[in-house]
C-alpha atoms as a PDB file:
ATOM      1  CA  UNK A   1     -16.456 -29.554  39.830  1.00  0.00           C
ATOM      2  CA  UNK A   2     -14.562 -32.367  41.464  1.00  0.00           C
ATOM      3  CA  UNK A   3     -16.964 -34.337  43.667  1.00  0.00           C
ATOM      4  CA  UNK A   4     -16.812 -34.557  47.429  1.00  0.00           C
ATOM      5  CA  UNK A   5     -16.493 -37.904  49.194  1.00  0.00           C
ATOM      6  CA  UNK A   6     -18.656 -39.004  52.120  1.00  0.00           C
ATOM      7  CA  UNK A   7     -17.262 -41.824  54.249  1.00  0.00           C
ATOM      8  CA  UNK A   8     -20.103 -43.567  56.065  1.00  0.00           C
ATOM      9  CA  UNK A   9     -20.076 -46.303  58.696  1.00  0.00           C
ATOM     10  CA  UNK A  10     -23.764 -46.921  59.456  1.00  0.00           C
ATOM     11  CA  UNK A  11     -24.812 -50.533  58.834  1.00  0.00           C
ATOM     12  CA  UNK A  12     -28.541 -49.802  58.655  1.00  0.00           C
ATOM     13  CA  UNK A  13     -29.511 -48.905  55.084  1.00  0.00           C
ATOM     14  CA  UNK A  14     -32.205 -46.423  56.143  1.00  0.00           C
ATOM     15  CA  UNK A  15     -29.785 -44.552  58.415  1.00  0.00           C
ATOM     16  CA  UNK A  16     -26.982 -44.614  55.844  1.00  0.00           C
ATOM     17  CA  UNK A  17     -29.231 -43.392  53.028  1.00  0.00           C
ATOM     18  CA  UNK A  18     -30.806 -40.690  55.204  1.00  0.00           C
ATOM     19  CA  UNK A  19     -27.369 -39.446  56.173  1.00  0.00           C
ATOM     20  CA  UNK A  20     -26.174 -39.363  52.559  1.00  0.00           C
ATOM     21  CA  UNK A  21     -29.275 -37.469  51.449  1.00  0.00           C
ATOM     22  CA  UNK A  22     -28.826 -34.943  54.261  1.00  0.00           C
ATOM     23  CA  UNK A  23     -25.188 -34.229  53.370  1.00  0.00           C
ATOM     24  CA  UNK A  24     -26.193 -33.896  49.738  1.00  0.00           C
ATOM     25  CA  UNK A  25     -29.191 -31.635  50.387  1.00  0.00           C
ATOM     26  CA  UNK A  26     -27.619 -29.317  52.942  1.00  0.00           C
ATOM     27  CA  UNK A  27     -24.351 -29.177  51.045  1.00  0.00           C
ATOM     28  CA  UNK A  28     -26.216 -28.148  47.899  1.00  0.00           C
ATOM     29  CA  UNK A  29     -24.757 -31.090  45.987  1.00  0.00           C
ATOM     30  CA  UNK A  30     -26.121 -33.162  43.135  1.00  0.00           C
ATOM     31  CA  UNK A  31     -25.822 -36.963  43.414  1.00  0.00           C
ATOM     32  CA  UNK A  32     -22.840 -37.016  41.049  1.00  0.00           C
ATOM     33  CA  UNK A  33     -21.137 -34.370  43.198  1.00  0.00           C
ATOM     34  CA  UNK A  34     -21.156 -36.454  46.383  1.00  0.00           C
ATOM     35  CA  UNK A  35     -19.653 -39.912  46.202  1.00  0.00           C
ATOM     36  CA  UNK A  36     -20.169 -42.288  49.106  1.00  0.00           C
ATOM     37  CA  UNK A  37     -18.159 -45.160  50.527  1.00  0.00           C
ATOM     38  CA  UNK A  38     -19.767 -47.312  53.218  1.00  0.00           C
ATOM     39  CA  UNK A  39     -16.674 -48.286  55.145  1.00  0.00           C
ATOM     40  CA  UNK A  40     -18.535 -50.713  57.415  1.00  0.00           C
ATOM     41  CA  UNK A  41     -19.428 -52.937  54.449  1.00  0.00           C
ATOM     42  CA  UNK A  42     -15.882 -53.680  53.298  1.00  0.00           C
ATOM     43  CA  UNK A  43     -12.301 -52.402  53.163  1.00  0.00           C
ATOM     44  CA  UNK A  44     -11.960 -48.730  52.299  1.00  0.00           C
ATOM     45  CA  UNK A  45     -10.721 -48.493  48.705  1.00  0.00           C
ATOM     46  CA  UNK A  46      -7.752 -46.308  47.900  1.00  0.00           C
ATOM     47  CA  UNK A  47      -8.853 -42.677  47.830  1.00  0.00           C
ATOM     48  CA  UNK A  48      -7.008 -40.546  45.286  1.00  0.00           C
ATOM     49  CA  UNK A  49      -7.132 -37.084  46.827  1.00  0.00           C
ATOM     50  CA  UNK A  50      -6.566 -35.518  43.415  1.00  0.00           C
ATOM     51  CA  UNK A  51     -10.011 -36.748  42.366  1.00  0.00           C
ATOM     52  CA  UNK A  52     -11.938 -34.964  45.137  1.00  0.00           C
ATOM     53  CA  UNK A  53     -12.680 -31.465  46.373  1.00  0.00           C
ATOM     54  CA  UNK A  54     -12.883 -32.617  49.990  1.00  0.00           C
ATOM     55  CA  UNK A  55     -13.810 -35.458  52.325  1.00  0.00           C
ATOM     56  CA  UNK A  56     -16.654 -35.636  54.820  1.00  0.00           C
ATOM     57  CA  UNK A  57     -17.223 -38.278  57.481  1.00  0.00           C
ATOM     58  CA  UNK A  58     -20.679 -38.922  58.902  1.00  0.00           C
ATOM     59  CA  UNK A  59     -21.721 -40.140  62.324  1.00  0.00           C
ATOM     60  CA  UNK A  60     -21.185 -43.674  63.513  1.00  0.00           C
ATOM     61  CA  UNK A  61     -22.320 -46.308  65.987  1.00  0.00           C
ATOM     62  CA  UNK A  62     -18.625 -46.878  66.745  1.00  0.00           C
ATOM     63  CA  UNK A  63     -16.911 -45.342  69.772  1.00  0.00           C
ATOM     64  CA  UNK A  64     -13.184 -44.929  69.333  1.00  0.00           C
ATOM     65  CA  UNK A  65     -12.650 -44.828  73.103  1.00  0.00           C
ATOM     66  CA  UNK A  66     -14.042 -48.321  73.699  1.00  0.00           C
ATOM     67  CA  UNK A  67     -11.463 -50.838  74.942  1.00  0.00           C
ATOM     68  CA  UNK A  68      -9.884 -52.659  72.024  1.00  0.00           C
ATOM     69  CA  UNK A  69     -11.100 -56.077  73.195  1.00  0.00           C
ATOM     70  CA  UNK A  70     -14.696 -54.818  73.102  1.00  0.00           C
ATOM     71  CA  UNK A  71     -14.501 -53.584  69.520  1.00  0.00           C
ATOM     72  CA  UNK A  72     -15.761 -55.770  66.703  1.00  0.00           C
ATOM     73  CA  UNK A  73     -13.417 -56.756  63.917  1.00  0.00           C
ATOM     74  CA  UNK A  74     -15.410 -54.480  61.614  1.00  0.00           C
ATOM     75  CA  UNK A  75     -14.831 -51.509  63.898  1.00  0.00           C
ATOM     76  CA  UNK A  76     -11.114 -52.242  64.186  1.00  0.00           C
ATOM     77  CA  UNK A  77     -10.826 -52.490  60.406  1.00  0.00           C
ATOM     78  CA  UNK A  78     -12.764 -49.241  59.881  1.00  0.00           C
ATOM     79  CA  UNK A  79     -10.509 -47.466  62.364  1.00  0.00           C
ATOM     80  CA  UNK A  80      -7.391 -48.771  60.613  1.00  0.00           C
ATOM     81  CA  UNK A  81      -8.722 -47.791  57.192  1.00  0.00           C
ATOM     82  CA  UNK A  82      -9.775 -44.279  58.198  1.00  0.00           C
ATOM     83  CA  UNK A  83      -6.558 -43.829  60.173  1.00  0.00           C
ATOM     84  CA  UNK A  84      -4.524 -44.685  57.098  1.00  0.00           C
ATOM     85  CA  UNK A  85      -6.500 -42.211  55.015  1.00  0.00           C
ATOM     86  CA  UNK A  86      -6.052 -39.527  57.671  1.00  0.00           C
ATOM     87  CA  UNK A  87      -2.275 -40.034  57.510  1.00  0.00           C
ATOM     88  CA  UNK A  88      -2.419 -38.647  53.969  1.00  0.00           C
ATOM     89  CA  UNK A  89      -5.233 -36.142  54.540  1.00  0.00           C
ATOM     90  CA  UNK A  90      -3.500 -34.481  57.491  1.00  0.00           C
ATOM     91  CA  UNK A  91      -0.103 -34.443  55.785  1.00  0.00           C
ATOM     92  CA  UNK A  92      -1.660 -32.680  52.785  1.00  0.00           C
ATOM     93  CA  UNK A  93      -3.941 -30.455  54.916  1.00  0.00           C
ATOM     94  CA  UNK A  94      -6.640 -31.715  52.563  1.00  0.00           C
ATOM     95  CA  UNK A  95     -10.172 -30.389  53.168  1.00  0.00           C
ATOM     96  CA  UNK A  96     -11.858 -32.655  55.734  1.00  0.00           C
ATOM     97  CA  UNK A  97     -15.037 -32.291  57.761  1.00  0.00           C
ATOM     98  CA  UNK A  98     -16.007 -34.990  60.247  1.00  0.00           C
ATOM     99  CA  UNK A  99     -19.456 -34.808  61.856  1.00  0.00           C
ATOM    100  CA  UNK A 100     -19.654 -36.366  65.347  1.00  0.00           C
ATOM    101  CA  UNK A 101     -17.488 -39.384  64.458  1.00  0.00           C
ATOM    102  CA  UNK A 102     -15.089 -36.795  63.095  1.00  0.00           C
ATOM    103  CA  UNK A 103     -14.068 -36.050  66.688  1.00  0.00           C
ATOM    104  CA  UNK A 104     -13.348 -39.718  67.331  1.00  0.00           C
ATOM    105  CA  UNK A 105     -11.448 -40.138  64.066  1.00  0.00           C
ATOM    106  CA  UNK A 106      -9.545 -36.890  63.430  1.00  0.00           C
ATOM    107  CA  UNK A 107      -9.243 -36.157  67.138  1.00  0.00           C
ATOM    108  CA  UNK A 108      -7.885 -39.555  68.062  1.00  0.00           C
ATOM    109  CA  UNK A 109      -5.573 -39.565  65.040  1.00  0.00           C
ATOM    110  CA  UNK A 110      -4.035 -36.298  66.238  1.00  0.00           C
ATOM    111  CA  UNK A 111      -3.648 -37.335  69.873  1.00  0.00           C
ATOM    112  CA  UNK A 112      -6.815 -35.969  71.496  1.00  0.00           C
ATOM    113  CA  UNK A 113      -8.148 -37.543  74.675  1.00  0.00           C
ATOM    114  CA  UNK A 114     -11.472 -39.109  73.677  1.00  0.00           C
ATOM    115  CA  UNK A 115     -13.558 -40.589  76.491  1.00  0.00           C
ATOM    116  CA  UNK A 116     -17.067 -40.588  77.981  1.00  0.00           C
ATOM    117  CA  UNK A 117     -16.615 -37.615  80.309  1.00  0.00           C
ATOM    118  CA  UNK A 118     -18.729 -35.251  78.218  1.00  0.00           C
ATOM    119  CA  UNK A 119     -21.327 -37.490  76.582  1.00  0.00           C
ATOM    120  CA  UNK A 120     -24.623 -35.808  75.702  1.00  0.00           C
ATOM    121  CA  UNK A 121     -28.090 -37.340  75.326  1.00  0.00           C
ATOM    122  CA  UNK A 122     -29.978 -36.971  72.073  1.00  0.00           C
ATOM    123  CA  UNK A 123     -31.485 -33.524  71.648  1.00  0.00           C
ATOM    124  CA  UNK A 124     -30.799 -29.894  70.836  1.00  0.00           C
ATOM    125  CA  UNK A 125     -28.181 -27.940  72.808  1.00  0.00           C
ATOM    126  CA  UNK A 126     -26.974 -24.333  72.567  1.00  0.00           C
ATOM    127  CA  UNK A 127     -23.591 -24.096  70.834  1.00  0.00           C
ATOM    128  CA  UNK A 128     -21.382 -21.077  71.515  1.00  0.00           C
ATOM    129  CA  UNK A 129     -18.665 -19.950  69.131  1.00  0.00           C
ATOM    130  CA  UNK A 130     -15.194 -19.279  70.479  1.00  0.00           C
ATOM    131  CA  UNK A 131     -13.425 -16.142  69.267  1.00  0.00           C
ATOM    132  CA  UNK A 132     -11.513 -18.244  66.737  1.00  0.00           C
ATOM    133  CA  UNK A 133     -14.773 -19.824  65.596  1.00  0.00           C
ATOM    134  CA  UNK A 134     -16.388 -16.464  64.946  1.00  0.00           C
ATOM    135  CA  UNK A 135     -13.480 -15.654  62.636  1.00  0.00           C
ATOM    136  CA  UNK A 136     -13.348 -19.032  60.869  1.00  0.00           C
ATOM    137  CA  UNK A 137     -14.682 -19.124  57.288  1.00  0.00           C
ATOM    138  CA  UNK A 138     -16.515 -22.405  57.870  1.00  0.00           C
ATOM    139  CA  UNK A 139     -18.658 -20.672  60.479  1.00  0.00           C
ATOM    140  CA  UNK A 140     -19.281 -17.513  58.463  1.00  0.00           C
ATOM    141  CA  UNK A 141     -22.862 -16.325  58.716  1.00  0.00           C
ATOM    142  CA  UNK A 142     -23.659 -18.187  61.934  1.00  0.00           C
ATOM    143  CA  UNK A 143     -24.707 -16.322  65.073  1.00  0.00           C
ATOM    144  CA  UNK A 144     -22.464 -16.440  68.130  1.00  0.00           C
ATOM    145  CA  UNK A 145     -24.862 -18.932  69.715  1.00  0.00           C
ATOM    146  CA  UNK A 146     -27.164 -21.395  67.955  1.00  0.00           C
ATOM    147  CA  UNK A 147     -28.897 -24.697  68.654  1.00  0.00           C
ATOM    148  CA  UNK A 148     -27.660 -27.958  67.157  1.00  0.00           C
ATOM    149  CA  UNK A 149     -28.580 -31.600  67.538  1.00  0.00           C
ATOM    150  CA  UNK A 150     -26.254 -33.865  69.503  1.00  0.00           C
ATOM    151  CA  UNK A 151     -26.304 -37.416  70.778  1.00  0.00           C
ATOM    152  CA  UNK A 152     -23.026 -39.126  71.588  1.00  0.00           C
ATOM    153  CA  UNK A 153     -21.471 -41.478  74.117  1.00  0.00           C
ATOM    154  CA  UNK A 154     -17.930 -40.090  73.811  1.00  0.00           C
ATOM    155  CA  UNK A 155     -16.360 -36.690  73.237  1.00  0.00           C
ATOM    156  CA  UNK A 156     -13.055 -34.855  73.273  1.00  0.00           C
ATOM    157  CA  UNK A 157     -11.796 -34.120  76.794  1.00  0.00           C
ATOM    158  CA  UNK A 158      -8.378 -32.762  75.787  1.00  0.00           C
ATOM    159  CA  UNK A 159      -7.669 -31.202  72.397  1.00  0.00           C
ATOM    160  CA  UNK A 160      -4.698 -32.354  70.332  1.00  0.00           C
ATOM    161  CA  UNK A 161      -1.613 -30.168  70.334  1.00  0.00           C
ATOM    162  CA  UNK A 162      -2.052 -27.354  67.850  1.00  0.00           C
ATOM    163  CA  UNK A 163      -5.809 -27.757  67.525  1.00  0.00           C
ATOM    164  CA  UNK A 164      -7.961 -24.624  67.511  1.00  0.00           C
ATOM    165  CA  UNK A 165     -11.172 -24.698  69.531  1.00  0.00           C
ATOM    166  CA  UNK A 166     -14.020 -23.247  67.478  1.00  0.00           C
ATOM    167  CA  UNK A 167     -17.187 -23.989  69.468  1.00  0.00           C
ATOM    168  CA  UNK A 168     -18.374 -25.344  72.816  1.00  0.00           C
ATOM    169  CA  UNK A 169     -21.515 -26.144  74.774  1.00  0.00           C
ATOM    170  CA  UNK A 170     -22.186 -26.042  78.499  1.00  0.00           C
ATOM    171  CA  UNK A 171     -22.215 -29.844  78.687  1.00  0.00           C
ATOM    172  CA  UNK A 172     -19.435 -30.554  76.176  1.00  0.00           C
ATOM    173  CA  UNK A 173     -16.471 -28.147  76.061  1.00  0.00           C
ATOM    174  CA  UNK A 174     -15.261 -29.297  72.627  1.00  0.00           C
ATOM    175  CA  UNK A 175     -18.048 -29.067  70.057  1.00  0.00           C
ATOM    176  CA  UNK A 176     -15.884 -28.120  67.084  1.00  0.00           C
ATOM    177  CA  UNK A 177     -12.189 -27.771  66.385  1.00  0.00           C
ATOM    178  CA  UNK A 178      -9.776 -27.262  63.518  1.00  0.00           C
ATOM    179  CA  UNK A 179      -6.427 -28.874  62.772  1.00  0.00           C
ATOM    180  CA  UNK A 180      -4.026 -26.892  60.585  1.00  0.00           C
ATOM    181  CA  UNK A 181      -6.041 -24.820  58.097  1.00  0.00           C
ATOM    182  CA  UNK A 182      -8.493 -27.199  56.446  1.00  0.00           C
ATOM    183  CA  UNK A 183      -9.241 -30.104  58.805  1.00  0.00           C
ATOM    184  CA  UNK A 184     -12.430 -29.814  60.854  1.00  0.00           C
ATOM    185  CA  UNK A 185     -14.398 -31.925  63.296  1.00  0.00           C
ATOM    186  CA  UNK A 186     -17.740 -31.234  64.944  1.00  0.00           C
ATOM    187  CA  UNK A 187     -19.287 -33.076  67.880  1.00  0.00           C
ATOM    188  CA  UNK A 188     -22.768 -31.847  66.947  1.00  0.00           C
ATOM    189  CA  UNK A 189     -24.465 -32.909  63.706  1.00  0.00           C
ATOM    190  CA  UNK A 190     -24.495 -30.184  61.024  1.00  0.00           C
ATOM    191  CA  UNK A 191     -26.419 -32.536  58.714  1.00  0.00           C
ATOM    192  CA  UNK A 192     -29.372 -33.127  61.043  1.00  0.00           C
ATOM    193  CA  UNK A 193     -32.708 -31.349  60.927  1.00  0.00           C
ATOM    194  CA  UNK A 194     -35.825 -32.342  62.871  1.00  0.00           C
ATOM    195  CA  UNK A 195     -36.963 -34.997  60.387  1.00  0.00           C
ATOM    196  CA  UNK A 196     -33.477 -36.469  60.198  1.00  0.00           C
ATOM    197  CA  UNK A 197     -33.164 -36.737  63.972  1.00  0.00           C
ATOM    198  CA  UNK A 198     -36.593 -38.340  64.345  1.00  0.00           C
ATOM    199  CA  UNK A 199     -35.605 -40.952  61.766  1.00  0.00           C
ATOM    200  CA  UNK A 200     -32.409 -41.752  63.660  1.00  0.00           C
ATOM    201  CA  UNK A 201     -34.219 -41.972  66.996  1.00  0.00           C
ATOM    202  CA  UNK A 202     -36.522 -44.543  65.461  1.00  0.00           C
ATOM    203  CA  UNK A 203     -33.702 -46.524  63.883  1.00  0.00           C
ATOM    204  CA  UNK A 204     -31.432 -46.470  66.943  1.00  0.00           C
ATOM    205  CA  UNK A 205     -34.024 -46.861  69.701  1.00  0.00           C
ATOM    206  CA  UNK A 206     -32.327 -50.113  70.794  1.00  0.00           C
ATOM    207  CA  UNK A 207     -28.729 -48.899  70.409  1.00  0.00           C
ATOM    208  CA  UNK A 208     -28.198 -47.774  74.009  1.00  0.00           C
ATOM    209  CA  UNK A 209     -28.426 -44.006  73.511  1.00  0.00           C
ATOM    210  CA  UNK A 210     -31.628 -43.894  75.591  1.00  0.00           C
ATOM    211  CA  UNK A 211     -34.144 -46.345  77.114  1.00  0.00           C
ATOM    212  CA  UNK A 212     -36.221 -47.698  74.191  1.00  0.00           C
ATOM    213  CA  UNK A 213     -39.471 -46.877  75.986  1.00  0.00           C
ATOM    214  CA  UNK A 214     -38.507 -43.188  75.898  1.00  0.00           C
ATOM    215  CA  UNK A 215     -38.136 -42.999  72.109  1.00  0.00           C
ATOM    216  CA  UNK A 216     -41.440 -41.175  71.645  1.00  0.00           C
ATOM    217  CA  UNK A 217     -40.466 -38.617  74.285  1.00  0.00           C
ATOM    218  CA  UNK A 218     -37.211 -37.933  72.465  1.00  0.00           C
ATOM    219  CA  UNK A 219     -39.098 -37.544  69.191  1.00  0.00           C
ATOM    220  CA  UNK A 220     -41.476 -35.077  70.819  1.00  0.00           C
ATOM    221  CA  UNK A 221     -38.607 -32.968  72.112  1.00  0.00           C
ATOM    222  CA  UNK A 222     -36.988 -33.058  68.668  1.00  0.00           C
ATOM    223  CA  UNK A 223     -40.168 -31.746  67.070  1.00  0.00           C
ATOM    224  CA  UNK A 224     -40.180 -28.739  69.373  1.00  0.00           C
ATOM    225  CA  UNK A 225     -36.533 -27.833  68.665  1.00  0.00           C
ATOM    226  CA  UNK A 226     -35.531 -24.859  66.530  1.00  0.00           C
ATOM    227  CA  UNK A 227     -32.404 -26.020  64.731  1.00  0.00           C
ATOM    228  CA  UNK A 228     -31.690 -24.022  61.583  1.00  0.00           C
ATOM    229  CA  UNK A 229     -28.082 -22.848  61.561  1.00  0.00           C
ATOM    230  CA  UNK A 230     -25.766 -25.907  61.626  1.00  0.00           C
ATOM    231  CA  UNK A 231     -26.400 -26.840  57.981  1.00  0.00           C
ATOM    232  CA  UNK A 232     -24.686 -23.562  57.042  1.00  0.00           C
ATOM    233  CA  UNK A 233     -21.414 -25.282  57.928  1.00  0.00           C
ATOM    234  CA  UNK A 234     -21.946 -27.867  55.181  1.00  0.00           C
ATOM    235  CA  UNK A 235     -22.782 -25.186  52.630  1.00  0.00           C
ATOM    236  CA  UNK A 236     -19.713 -23.203  53.666  1.00  0.00           C
ATOM    237  CA  UNK A 237     -17.504 -26.295  53.399  1.00  0.00           C
ATOM    238  CA  UNK A 238     -18.719 -27.046  49.881  1.00  0.00           C
ATOM    239  CA  UNK A 239     -18.529 -23.416  48.792  1.00  0.00           C
ATOM    240  CA  UNK A 240     -15.034 -22.943  50.178  1.00  0.00           C
ATOM    241  CA  UNK A 241     -13.454 -26.118  48.830  1.00  0.00           C
ATOM    242  CA  UNK A 242     -15.258 -26.953  45.586  1.00  0.00           C
ATOM    243  CA  UNK A 243     -12.577 -27.176  42.913  1.00  0.00           C
ATOM    244  CA  UNK A 244     -12.665 -27.734  39.179  1.00  0.00           C
END
């Protein structure tokens, strides 16, 4: 099987490694079947699409909607590098799944309005499938409503032309969409279970997602959540696109 590629942008080793392990575990992939590039650590190398079954993008501390003058040089470089890759990925309709930062990357690349109108605090929210989502193969086997973990400062306010809305929540109308046939973005985190979220809360307690003093409260709420379905999306992505 050709491996999948995970593009990561988390500078903290513990967060980056936890994310990689989650994509690997929930995707049902062996280490040699999931390559990783940490785009925040240096320029994105050339990605030969012929060498991969598909591309996944993890979450990020970066917000694409931030004013350009407030972005670090690292963020601007990452955005240029991923944008250049998306030029080829979109043109080829090459299998792509972006989790959380996927909305800011694929969405922005395709002309979506990304801003802070529909930010959501860290926690579990009910996700509802649209009619198109219920019929989409990446969401096969999921119930019409399920809980997923979120936590984001920006979201998609207006979908790109031609995008298909697949899922929503009461506090964020665009939770998942598709471009063409094989390009997907989720606002929620399909790779996060309770342990994974608790780890991220601990790592990012000073990152501005919540008051640091409330970290233990957020961890307590995470422990009481019942999030079991989102990982199915990763398994479906791998199953659908794995190629020899």
